[in-house]
PDB file of N, CA and C in Angstrom:
ATOM      1  N   PRO A   1      10.155  18.995  31.647  1.00  0.00           N
ATOM      2  CA  PRO A   1      10.297  20.236  30.875  1.00  0.00           C
ATOM      3  C   PRO A   1       9.338  20.257  29.684  1.00  0.00           C
ATOM      4  N   ALA A   2       8.905  21.431  29.345  1.00  0.00           N
ATOM      5  CA  ALA A   2       7.973  21.589  28.216  1.00  0.00           C
ATOM      6  C   ALA A   2       8.707  21.344  26.900  1.00  0.00           C
ATOM      7  N   ALA A   3       7.960  20.830  25.954  1.00  0.00           N
ATOM      8  CA  ALA A   3       8.539  20.601  24.618  1.00  0.00           C
ATOM      9  C   ALA A   3       8.806  21.951  23.965  1.00  0.00           C
ATOM     10  N   PRO A   4       9.839  22.021  23.126  1.00  0.00           N
ATOM     11  CA  PRO A   4      10.108  23.293  22.459  1.00  0.00           C
ATOM     12  C   PRO A   4       8.950  23.652  21.534  1.00  0.00           C
ATOM     13  N   ALA A   5       8.685  24.942  21.406  1.00  0.00           N
ATOM     14  CA  ALA A   5       7.587  25.409  20.560  1.00  0.00           C
ATOM     15  C   ALA A   5       7.885  25.080  19.098  1.00  0.00           C
ATOM     16  N   ALA A   6       6.834  24.729  18.394  1.00  0.00           N
ATOM     17  CA  ALA A   6       6.987  24.443  16.966  1.00  0.00           C
ATOM     18  C   ALA A   6       7.350  25.733  16.243  1.00  0.00           C
ATOM     19  N   PRO A   7       8.126  25.627  15.171  1.00  0.00           N
ATOM     20  CA  PRO A   7       8.483  26.847  14.454  1.00  0.00           C
ATOM     21  C   PRO A   7       7.242  27.512  13.876  1.00  0.00           C
ATOM     22  N   ALA A   8       7.219  28.825  13.905  1.00  0.00           N
ATOM     23  CA  ALA A   8       6.101  29.572  13.351  1.00  0.00           C
ATOM     24  C   ALA A   8       6.122  29.458  11.832  1.00  0.00           C
ATOM     25  N   LEU A   9       4.937  29.461  11.235  1.00  0.00           N
ATOM     26  CA  LEU A   9       4.817  29.419   9.783  1.00  0.00           C
ATOM     27  C   LEU A   9       4.230  30.742   9.318  1.00  0.00           C
ATOM     28  N   VAL A  10       4.939  31.422   8.416  1.00  0.00           N
ATOM     29  CA  VAL A  10       4.486  32.696   7.881  1.00  0.00           C
ATOM     30  C   VAL A  10       4.238  32.508   6.396  1.00  0.00           C
ATOM     31  N   GLU A  11       2.979  32.720   5.974  1.00  0.00           N
ATOM     32  CA  GLU A  11       2.659  32.583   4.550  1.00  0.00           C
ATOM     33  C   GLU A  11       2.908  33.919   3.860  1.00  0.00           C
ATOM     34  N   LEU A  12       3.586  33.845   2.720  1.00  0.00           N
ATOM     35  CA  LEU A  12       3.969  35.035   1.964  1.00  0.00           C
ATOM     36  C   LEU A  12       3.266  35.068   0.614  1.00  0.00           C
ATOM     37  N   SER A  13       3.121  36.265   0.067  1.00  0.00           N
ATOM     38  CA  SER A  13       2.598  36.400  -1.291  1.00  0.00           C
ATOM     39  C   SER A  13       3.777  36.626  -2.239  1.00  0.00           C
ATOM     40  N   GLN A  14       3.527  36.491  -3.532  1.00  0.00           N
ATOM     41  CA  GLN A  14       4.578  36.723  -4.532  1.00  0.00           C
ATOM     42  C   GLN A  14       5.193  38.113  -4.354  1.00  0.00           C
ATOM     43  N   GLY A  15       4.367  39.107  -4.013  1.00  0.00           N
ATOM     44  CA  GLY A  15       4.845  40.479  -3.872  1.00  0.00           C
ATOM     45  C   GLY A  15       5.734  40.708  -2.663  1.00  0.00           C
ATOM     46  N   GLN A  16       5.738  39.791  -1.725  1.00  0.00           N
ATOM     47  CA  GLN A  16       6.544  39.938  -0.512  1.00  0.00           C
ATOM     48  C   GLN A  16       7.919  39.299  -0.641  1.00  0.00           C
ATOM     49  N   THR A  17       8.196  38.687  -1.774  1.00  0.00           N
ATOM     50  CA  THR A  17       9.475  38.007  -1.951  1.00  0.00           C
ATOM     51  C   THR A  17      10.174  38.511  -3.199  1.00  0.00           C
ATOM     52  N   GLN A  18      11.474  38.382  -3.186  1.00  0.00           N
ATOM     53  CA  GLN A  18      12.280  38.734  -4.353  1.00  0.00           C
ATOM     54  C   GLN A  18      13.354  37.661  -4.492  1.00  0.00           C
ATOM     55  N   TYR A  19      13.478  37.146  -5.705  1.00  0.00           N
ATOM     56  CA  TYR A  19      14.461  36.098  -5.933  1.00  0.00           C
ATOM     57  C   TYR A  19      15.873  36.661  -5.997  1.00  0.00           C
ATOM     58  N   ILE A  20      16.783  36.004  -5.296  1.00  0.00           N
ATOM     59  CA  ILE A  20      18.223  36.228  -5.459  1.00  0.00           C
ATOM     60  C   ILE A  20      18.692  35.283  -6.562  1.00  0.00           C
ATOM     61  N   ARG A  21      18.163  34.068  -6.513  1.00  0.00           N
ATOM     62  CA  ARG A  21      18.458  33.060  -7.536  1.00  0.00           C
ATOM     63  C   ARG A  21      17.115  32.560  -8.064  1.00  0.00           C
ATOM     64  N   GLU A  22      16.819  32.905  -9.307  1.00  0.00           N
ATOM     65  CA  GLU A  22      15.563  32.502  -9.945  1.00  0.00           C
ATOM     66  C   GLU A  22      15.490  30.973 -10.027  1.00  0.00           C
ATOM     67  N   PRO A  23      14.278  30.420  -9.954  1.00  0.00           N
ATOM     68  CA  PRO A  23      14.139  28.971 -10.132  1.00  0.00           C
ATOM     69  C   PRO A  23      14.606  28.576 -11.535  1.00  0.00           C
ATOM     70  N   ARG A  24      15.384  27.510 -11.621  1.00  0.00           N
ATOM     71  CA  ARG A  24      15.856  27.014 -12.924  1.00  0.00           C
ATOM     72  C   ARG A  24      14.868  25.955 -13.421  1.00  0.00           C
ATOM     73  N   ILE A  25      14.032  26.382 -14.356  1.00  0.00           N
ATOM     74  CA  ILE A  25      12.986  25.490 -14.863  1.00  0.00           C
ATOM     75  C   ILE A  25      13.528  24.696 -16.043  1.00  0.00           C
ATOM     76  N   ASN A  26      13.433  23.384 -15.937  1.00  0.00           N
ATOM     77  CA  ASN A  26      13.879  22.480 -16.985  1.00  0.00           C
ATOM     78  C   ASN A  26      12.643  21.757 -17.515  1.00  0.00           C
ATOM     79  N   TYR A  27      12.178  22.179 -18.700  1.00  0.00           N
ATOM     80  CA  TYR A  27      10.985  21.561 -19.297  1.00  0.00           C
ATOM     81  C   TYR A  27      11.379  20.163 -19.755  1.00  0.00           C
ATOM     82  N   PRO A  28      10.785  19.128 -19.193  1.00  0.00           N
ATOM     83  CA  PRO A  28      11.180  17.754 -19.554  1.00  0.00           C
ATOM     84  C   PRO A  28      11.011  17.493 -21.056  1.00  0.00           C
ATOM     85  N   ALA A  29      12.032  16.909 -21.667  1.00  0.00           N
ATOM     86  CA  ALA A  29      12.016  16.647 -23.117  1.00  0.00           C
ATOM     87  C   ALA A  29      10.828  15.766 -23.506  1.00  0.00           C
ATOM     88  N   MET A  30      10.545  14.747 -22.711  1.00  0.00           N
ATOM     89  CA  MET A  30       9.428  13.858 -23.033  1.00  0.00           C
ATOM     90  C   MET A  30       8.094  14.609 -22.954  1.00  0.00           C
ATOM     91  N   SER A  31       7.979  15.530 -21.996  1.00  0.00           N
ATOM     92  CA  SER A  31       6.753  16.335 -21.885  1.00  0.00           C
ATOM     93  C   SER A  31       6.580  17.213 -23.120  1.00  0.00           C
ATOM     94  N   LYS A  32       7.681  17.792 -23.597  1.00  0.00           N
ATOM     95  CA  LYS A  32       7.619  18.604 -24.831  1.00  0.00           C
ATOM     96  C   LYS A  32       7.158  17.739 -25.995  1.00  0.00           C
ATOM     97  N   LYS A  33       7.767  16.570 -26.109  1.00  0.00           N
ATOM     98  CA  LYS A  33       7.462  15.658 -27.211  1.00  0.00           C
ATOM     99  C   LYS A  33       5.992  15.249 -27.203  1.00  0.00           C
ATOM    100  N   LEU A  34       5.447  15.029 -25.997  1.00  0.00           N
ATOM    101  CA  LEU A  34       4.069  14.584 -25.863  1.00  0.00           C
ATOM    102  C   LEU A  34       3.063  15.746 -25.809  1.00  0.00           C
ATOM    103  N   GLY A  35       3.588  16.989 -25.850  1.00  0.00           N
ATOM    104  CA  GLY A  35       2.708  18.154 -25.817  1.00  0.00           C
ATOM    105  C   GLY A  35       2.080  18.419 -24.460  1.00  0.00           C
ATOM    106  N   GLU A  36       2.735  17.985 -23.387  1.00  0.00           N
ATOM    107  CA  GLU A  36       2.203  18.195 -22.046  1.00  0.00           C
ATOM    108  C   GLU A  36       2.435  19.645 -21.606  1.00  0.00           C
ATOM    109  N   THR A  37       1.359  20.293 -21.174  1.00  0.00           N
ATOM    110  CA  THR A  37       1.436  21.664 -20.679  1.00  0.00           C
ATOM    111  C   THR A  37       0.604  21.751 -19.406  1.00  0.00           C
ATOM    112  N   GLY A  38       0.780  22.812 -18.662  1.00  0.00           N
ATOM    113  CA  GLY A  38      -0.052  23.010 -17.479  1.00  0.00           C
ATOM    114  C   GLY A  38       0.588  23.913 -16.456  1.00  0.00           C
ATOM    115  N   LEU A  39      -0.220  24.262 -15.471  1.00  0.00           N
ATOM    116  CA  LEU A  39       0.206  25.118 -14.373  1.00  0.00           C
ATOM    117  C   LEU A  39       0.396  24.253 -13.128  1.00  0.00           C
ATOM    118  N   VAL A  40       1.540  24.425 -12.491  1.00  0.00           N
ATOM    119  CA  VAL A  40       1.845  23.730 -11.237  1.00  0.00           C
ATOM    120  C   VAL A  40       2.011  24.796 -10.164  1.00  0.00           C
ATOM    121  N   ILE A  41       1.389  24.596  -9.026  1.00  0.00           N
ATOM    122  CA  ILE A  41       1.612  25.479  -7.877  1.00  0.00           C
ATOM    123  C   ILE A  41       2.416  24.673  -6.862  1.00  0.00           C
ATOM    124  N   ILE A  42       3.580  25.220  -6.509  1.00  0.00           N
ATOM    125  CA  ILE A  42       4.467  24.557  -5.554  1.00  0.00           C
ATOM    126  C   ILE A  42       4.466  25.340  -4.242  1.00  0.00           C
ATOM    127  N   ALA A  43       4.223  24.651  -3.141  1.00  0.00           N
ATOM    128  CA  ALA A  43       4.345  25.238  -1.813  1.00  0.00           C
ATOM    129  C   ALA A  43       5.809  25.093  -1.417  1.00  0.00           C
ATOM    130  N   VAL A  44       6.516  26.237  -1.379  1.00  0.00           N
ATOM    131  CA  VAL A  44       7.944  26.231  -1.066  1.00  0.00           C
ATOM    132  C   VAL A  44       8.126  26.766   0.352  1.00  0.00           C
ATOM    133  N   TYR A  45       8.816  25.993   1.170  1.00  0.00           N
ATOM    134  CA  TYR A  45       9.073  26.379   2.555  1.00  0.00           C
ATOM    135  C   TYR A  45      10.524  26.855   2.666  1.00  0.00           C
ATOM    136  N   TYR A  46      10.686  28.152   2.950  1.00  0.00           N
ATOM    137  CA  TYR A  46      12.019  28.770   3.056  1.00  0.00           C
ATOM    138  C   TYR A  46      12.388  28.991   4.516  1.00  0.00           C
ATOM    139  N   ASN A  47      13.701  28.949   4.783  1.00  0.00           N
ATOM    140  CA  ASN A  47      14.166  29.336   6.116  1.00  0.00           C
ATOM    141  C   ASN A  47      14.397  30.850   6.127  1.00  0.00           C
ATOM    142  N   SER A  48      14.807  31.397   7.260  1.00  0.00           N
ATOM    143  CA  SER A  48      14.957  32.847   7.384  1.00  0.00           C
ATOM    144  C   SER A  48      16.068  33.398   6.492  1.00  0.00           C
ATOM    145  N   ALA A  49      16.986  32.532   6.040  1.00  0.00           N
ATOM    146  CA  ALA A  49      18.061  32.967   5.137  1.00  0.00           C
ATOM    147  C   ALA A  49      17.597  33.016   3.676  1.00  0.00           C
ATOM    148  N   GLY A  50      16.359  32.557   3.424  1.00  0.00           N
ATOM    149  CA  GLY A  50      15.829  32.583   2.062  1.00  0.00           C
ATOM    150  C   GLY A  50      16.141  31.345   1.247  1.00  0.00           C
ATOM    151  N   LEU A  51      16.586  30.286   1.923  1.00  0.00           N
ATOM    152  CA  LEU A  51      16.898  29.030   1.228  1.00  0.00           C
ATOM    153  C   LEU A  51      15.733  28.057   1.365  1.00  0.00           C
ATOM    154  N   PRO A  52      15.382  27.356   0.268  1.00  0.00           N
ATOM    155  CA  PRO A  52      14.272  26.406   0.343  1.00  0.00           C
ATOM    156  C   PRO A  52      14.661  25.177   1.158  1.00  0.00           C
ATOM    157  N   LYS A  53      13.789  24.784   2.050  1.00  0.00           N
ATOM    158  CA  LYS A  53      14.022  23.603   2.881  1.00  0.00           C
ATOM    159  C   LYS A  53      13.155  22.437   2.429  1.00  0.00           C
ATOM    160  N   ARG A  54      11.999  22.750   1.815  1.00  0.00           N
ATOM    161  CA  ARG A  54      11.062  21.724   1.385  1.00  0.00           C
ATOM    162  C   ARG A  54      10.172  22.324   0.306  1.00  0.00           C
ATOM    163  N   ALA A  55       9.737  21.499  -0.612  1.00  0.00           N
ATOM    164  CA  ALA A  55       8.809  21.949  -1.655  1.00  0.00           C
ATOM    165  C   ALA A  55       7.806  20.826  -1.903  1.00  0.00           C
ATOM    166  N   GLU A  56       6.535  21.194  -1.903  1.00  0.00           N
ATOM    167  CA  GLU A  56       5.464  20.220  -2.105  1.00  0.00           C
ATOM    168  C   GLU A  56       4.538  20.706  -3.217  1.00  0.00           C
ATOM    169  N   ILE A  57       3.943  19.771  -3.917  1.00  0.00           N
ATOM    170  CA  ILE A  57       3.003  20.128  -4.978  1.00  0.00           C
ATOM    171  C   ILE A  57       1.684  20.520  -4.318  1.00  0.00           C
ATOM    172  N   SER A  58       1.305  21.784  -4.504  1.00  0.00           N
ATOM    173  CA  SER A  58       0.056  22.290  -3.953  1.00  0.00           C
ATOM    174  C   SER A  58      -1.081  22.090  -4.953  1.00  0.00           C
ATOM    175  N   LYS A  59      -0.777  22.285  -6.238  1.00  0.00           N
ATOM    176  CA  LYS A  59      -1.740  22.039  -7.312  1.00  0.00           C
ATOM    177  C   LYS A  59      -0.996  21.397  -8.465  1.00  0.00           C
ATOM    178  N   SER A  60      -1.451  20.232  -8.872  1.00  0.00           N
ATOM    179  CA  SER A  60      -0.784  19.478  -9.931  1.00  0.00           C
ATOM    180  C   SER A  60      -1.192  19.972 -11.310  1.00  0.00           C
ATOM    181  N   SER A  61      -0.276  19.810 -12.261  1.00  0.00           N
ATOM    182  CA  SER A  61      -0.564  20.103 -13.668  1.00  0.00           C
ATOM    183  C   SER A  61      -1.337  18.949 -14.295  1.00  0.00           C
ATOM    184  N   GLY A  62      -1.316  17.807 -13.616  1.00  0.00           N
ATOM    185  CA  GLY A  62      -1.900  16.595 -14.171  1.00  0.00           C
ATOM    186  C   GLY A  62      -0.842  15.696 -14.805  1.00  0.00           C
ATOM    187  N   TYR A  63       0.396  16.180 -14.826  1.00  0.00           N
ATOM    188  CA  TYR A  63       1.505  15.418 -15.408  1.00  0.00           C
ATOM    189  C   TYR A  63       2.634  15.327 -14.385  1.00  0.00           C
ATOM    190  N   ASP A  64       2.982  14.098 -13.994  1.00  0.00           N
ATOM    191  CA  ASP A  64       4.023  13.900 -12.982  1.00  0.00           C
ATOM    192  C   ASP A  64       5.345  14.547 -13.371  1.00  0.00           C
ATOM    193  N   ARG A  65       5.722  14.445 -14.667  1.00  0.00           N
ATOM    194  CA  ARG A  65       7.011  15.008 -15.107  1.00  0.00           C
ATOM    195  C   ARG A  65       7.050  16.519 -14.888  1.00  0.00           C
ATOM    196  N   LEU A  66       5.964  17.208 -15.237  1.00  0.00           N
ATOM    197  CA  LEU A  66       5.929  18.669 -15.066  1.00  0.00           C
ATOM    198  C   LEU A  66       5.912  19.034 -13.586  1.00  0.00           C
ATOM    199  N   ASP A  67       5.143  18.281 -12.796  1.00  0.00           N
ATOM    200  CA  ASP A  67       5.090  18.551 -11.358  1.00  0.00           C
ATOM    201  C   ASP A  67       6.474  18.414 -10.730  1.00  0.00           C
ATOM    202  N   GLN A  68       7.194  17.357 -11.097  1.00  0.00           N
ATOM    203  CA  GLN A  68       8.532  17.129 -10.529  1.00  0.00           C
ATOM    204  C   GLN A  68       9.517  18.199 -11.009  1.00  0.00           C
ATOM    205  N   ALA A  69       9.409  18.611 -12.270  1.00  0.00           N
ATOM    206  CA  ALA A  69      10.292  19.660 -12.805  1.00  0.00           C
ATOM    207  C   ALA A  69      10.059  20.977 -12.060  1.00  0.00           C
ATOM    208  N   ALA A  70       8.810  21.288 -11.758  1.00  0.00           N
ATOM    209  CA  ALA A  70       8.494  22.515 -11.015  1.00  0.00           C
ATOM    210  C   ALA A  70       9.038  22.430  -9.586  1.00  0.00           C
ATOM    211  N   ARG A  71       8.887  21.272  -8.968  1.00  0.00           N
ATOM    212  CA  ARG A  71       9.402  21.080  -7.602  1.00  0.00           C
ATOM    213  C   ARG A  71      10.924  21.233  -7.579  1.00  0.00           C
ATOM    214  N   ASP A  72      11.594  20.623  -8.556  1.00  0.00           N
ATOM    215  CA  ASP A  72      13.059  20.740  -8.640  1.00  0.00           C
ATOM    216  C   ASP A  72      13.472  22.198  -8.843  1.00  0.00           C
ATOM    217  N   ALA A  73      12.733  22.916  -9.703  1.00  0.00           N
ATOM    218  CA  ALA A  73      13.049  24.330  -9.954  1.00  0.00           C
ATOM    219  C   ALA A  73      12.900  25.150  -8.673  1.00  0.00           C
ATOM    220  N   ALA A  74      11.838  24.894  -7.929  1.00  0.00           N
ATOM    221  CA  ALA A  74      11.619  25.624  -6.679  1.00  0.00           C
ATOM    222  C   ALA A  74      12.763  25.388  -5.705  1.00  0.00           C
ATOM    223  N   MET A  75      13.250  24.154  -5.645  1.00  0.00           N
ATOM    224  CA  MET A  75      14.352  23.832  -4.730  1.00  0.00           C
ATOM    225  C   MET A  75      15.676  24.452  -5.169  1.00  0.00           C
ATOM    226  N   SER A  76      15.775  24.901  -6.425  1.00  0.00           N
ATOM    227  CA  SER A  76      17.005  25.532  -6.915  1.00  0.00           C
ATOM    228  C   SER A  76      16.995  27.046  -6.684  1.00  0.00           C
ATOM    229  N   SER A  77      15.895  27.568  -6.151  1.00  0.00           N
ATOM    230  CA  SER A  77      15.756  29.016  -5.996  1.00  0.00           C
ATOM    231  C   SER A  77      16.313  29.497  -4.657  1.00  0.00           C
ATOM    232  N   GLN A  78      16.420  30.819  -4.570  1.00  0.00           N
ATOM    233  CA  GLN A  78      16.747  31.473  -3.305  1.00  0.00           C
ATOM    234  C   GLN A  78      16.094  32.839  -3.324  1.00  0.00           C
ATOM    235  N   VAL A  79      15.488  33.224  -2.202  1.00  0.00           N
ATOM    236  CA  VAL A  79      14.868  34.532  -2.087  1.00  0.00           C
ATOM    237  C   VAL A  79      15.646  35.374  -1.081  1.00  0.00           C
ATOM    238  N   THR A  80      15.357  36.681  -1.064  1.00  0.00           N
ATOM    239  CA  THR A  80      16.055  37.549  -0.113  1.00  0.00           C
ATOM    240  C   THR A  80      15.751  37.096   1.310  1.00  0.00           C
ATOM    241  N   PRO A  81      16.712  37.220   2.218  1.00  0.00           N
ATOM    242  CA  PRO A  81      16.476  36.816   3.615  1.00  0.00           C
ATOM    243  C   PRO A  81      15.289  37.585   4.203  1.00  0.00           C
ATOM    244  N   PHE A  82      14.610  36.952   5.146  1.00  0.00           N
ATOM    245  CA  PHE A  82      13.423  37.537   5.756  1.00  0.00           C
ATOM    246  C   PHE A  82      13.768  38.241   7.050  1.00  0.00           C
ATOM    247  N   ARG A  83      13.189  39.415   7.228  1.00  0.00           N
ATOM    248  CA  ARG A  83      13.345  40.187   8.461  1.00  0.00           C
ATOM    249  C   ARG A  83      11.940  40.549   8.926  1.00  0.00           C
ATOM    250  N   GLN A  84      11.396  39.733   9.804  1.00  0.00           N
ATOM    251  CA  GLN A  84      10.041  39.992  10.278  1.00  0.00           C
ATOM    252  C   GLN A  84      10.058  40.127  11.791  1.00  0.00           C
ATOM    253  N   PRO A  85       9.301  41.083  12.332  1.00  0.00           N
ATOM    254  CA  PRO A  85       9.245  41.238  13.788  1.00  0.00           C
ATOM    255  C   PRO A  85       8.731  39.956  14.449  1.00  0.00           C
ATOM    256  N   GLY A  86       9.390  39.554  15.500  1.00  0.00           N
ATOM    257  CA  GLY A  86       8.970  38.372  16.244  1.00  0.00           C
ATOM    258  C   GLY A  86       9.437  37.054  15.643  1.00  0.00           C
ATOM    259  N   ALA A  87      10.056  37.098  14.476  1.00  0.00           N
ATOM    260  CA  ALA A  87      10.533  35.867  13.839  1.00  0.00           C
ATOM    261  C   ALA A  87      11.896  35.496  14.411  1.00  0.00           C
ATOM    262  N   ASN A  88      12.207  34.205  14.336  1.00  0.00           N
ATOM    263  CA  ASN A  88      13.530  33.763  14.757  1.00  0.00           C
ATOM    264  C   ASN A  88      14.042  32.735  13.751  1.00  0.00           C
ATOM    265  N   GLU A  89      15.148  32.093  14.077  1.00  0.00           N
ATOM    266  CA  GLU A  89      15.773  31.139  13.144  1.00  0.00           C
ATOM    267  C   GLU A  89      14.883  29.950  12.812  1.00  0.00           C
ATOM    268  N   SER A  90      13.937  29.620  13.695  1.00  0.00           N
ATOM    269  CA  SER A  90      13.087  28.464  13.441  1.00  0.00           C
ATOM    270  C   SER A  90      11.816  28.821  12.654  1.00  0.00           C
ATOM    271  N   THR A  91      11.620  30.102  12.380  1.00  0.00           N
ATOM    272  CA  THR A  91      10.444  30.515  11.608  1.00  0.00           C
ATOM    273  C   THR A  91      10.573  29.999  10.181  1.00  0.00           C
ATOM    274  N   VAL A  92       9.477  29.471   9.657  1.00  0.00           N
ATOM    275  CA  VAL A  92       9.439  28.936   8.300  1.00  0.00           C
ATOM    276  C   VAL A  92       8.523  29.831   7.477  1.00  0.00           C
ATOM    277  N   TYR A  93       8.939  30.117   6.249  1.00  0.00           N
ATOM    278  CA  TYR A  93       8.193  31.005   5.356  1.00  0.00           C
ATOM    279  C   TYR A  93       7.664  30.203   4.179  1.00  0.00           C
ATOM    280  N   LEU A  94       6.360  30.285   3.954  1.00  0.00           N
ATOM    281  CA  LEU A  94       5.702  29.527   2.891  1.00  0.00           C
ATOM    282  C   LEU A  94       5.334  30.455   1.736  1.00  0.00           C
ATOM    283  N   LEU A  95       5.789  30.077   0.548  1.00  0.00           N
ATOM    284  CA  LEU A  95       5.429  30.802  -0.676  1.00  0.00           C
ATOM    285  C   LEU A  95       4.804  29.799  -1.634  1.00  0.00           C
ATOM    286  N   LYS A  96       3.631  30.115  -2.147  1.00  0.00           N
ATOM    287  CA  LYS A  96       2.999  29.267  -3.166  1.00  0.00           C
ATOM    288  C   LYS A  96       3.394  29.833  -4.523  1.00  0.00           C
ATOM    289  N   ALA A  97       4.340  29.155  -5.164  1.00  0.00           N
ATOM    290  CA  ALA A  97       4.942  29.643  -6.409  1.00  0.00           C
ATOM    291  C   ALA A  97       4.324  28.949  -7.617  1.00  0.00           C
ATOM    292  N   PRO A  98       3.867  29.740  -8.604  1.00  0.00           N
ATOM    293  CA  PRO A  98       3.306  29.145  -9.819  1.00  0.00           C
ATOM    294  C   PRO A  98       4.392  28.861 -10.857  1.00  0.00           C
ATOM    295  N   PHE A  99       4.271  27.747 -11.534  1.00  0.00           N
ATOM    296  CA  PHE A  99       5.158  27.378 -12.652  1.00  0.00           C
ATOM    297  C   PHE A  99       4.259  27.004 -13.810  1.00  0.00           C
ATOM    298  N   ASN A 100       4.330  27.787 -14.885  1.00  0.00           N
ATOM    299  CA  ASN A 100       3.456  27.568 -16.026  1.00  0.00           C
ATOM    300  C   ASN A 100       4.268  26.961 -17.173  1.00  0.00           C
ATOM    301  N   PHE A 101       3.911  25.760 -17.558  1.00  0.00           N
ATOM    302  CA  PHE A 101       4.599  25.070 -18.658  1.00  0.00           C
ATOM    303  C   PHE A 101       3.744  25.230 -19.912  1.00  0.00           C
ATOM    304  N   THR A 102       4.277  25.982 -20.875  1.00  0.00           N
ATOM    305  CA  THR A 102       3.569  26.188 -22.140  1.00  0.00           C
ATOM    306  C   THR A 102       4.537  25.900 -23.287  1.00  0.00           C
ATOM    307  N   LEU A 103       3.993  25.435 -24.367  1.00  0.00           N
ATOM    308  CA  LEU A 103       4.790  25.169 -25.576  1.00  0.00           C
ATOM    309  C   LEU A 103       4.549  26.296 -26.564  1.00  0.00           C
ATOM    310  N   THR A 104       5.639  26.832 -27.098  1.00  0.00           N
ATOM    311  CA  THR A 104       5.508  27.880 -28.119  1.00  0.00           C
ATOM    312  C   THR A 104       5.645  27.236 -29.497  1.00  0.00           C
ATOM    313  N   LYS A 105       4.948  27.773 -30.403  1.00  0.00           N
ATOM    314  CA  LYS A 105       4.952  27.214 -31.761  1.00  0.00           C
ATOM    315  C   LYS A 105       6.078  27.818 -32.565  1.00  0.00           C
TER     316      LYS A 105
END
């Protein structure tokens, strides 16, 4: 018998998604103390229900603490369920989400 087909991957833009549960960003205390700032891009893989299944660092801020905080925030999010023609339960949706860590004076 043939192997089952790999799940389809659909890449989405920010404009194609809407958060039901916003990512909870926790700026690491040590990063604040050390003045670490930067932009992290997280590749978030959602299932058809809008729940994150995996999150990977697509672009690093240069600081491990900020990268991990952004990844954790992405995993705490939820977007509206996806309804795409030809998609099924095994379809995976990829969103490249930006997380900008800045310190205010």
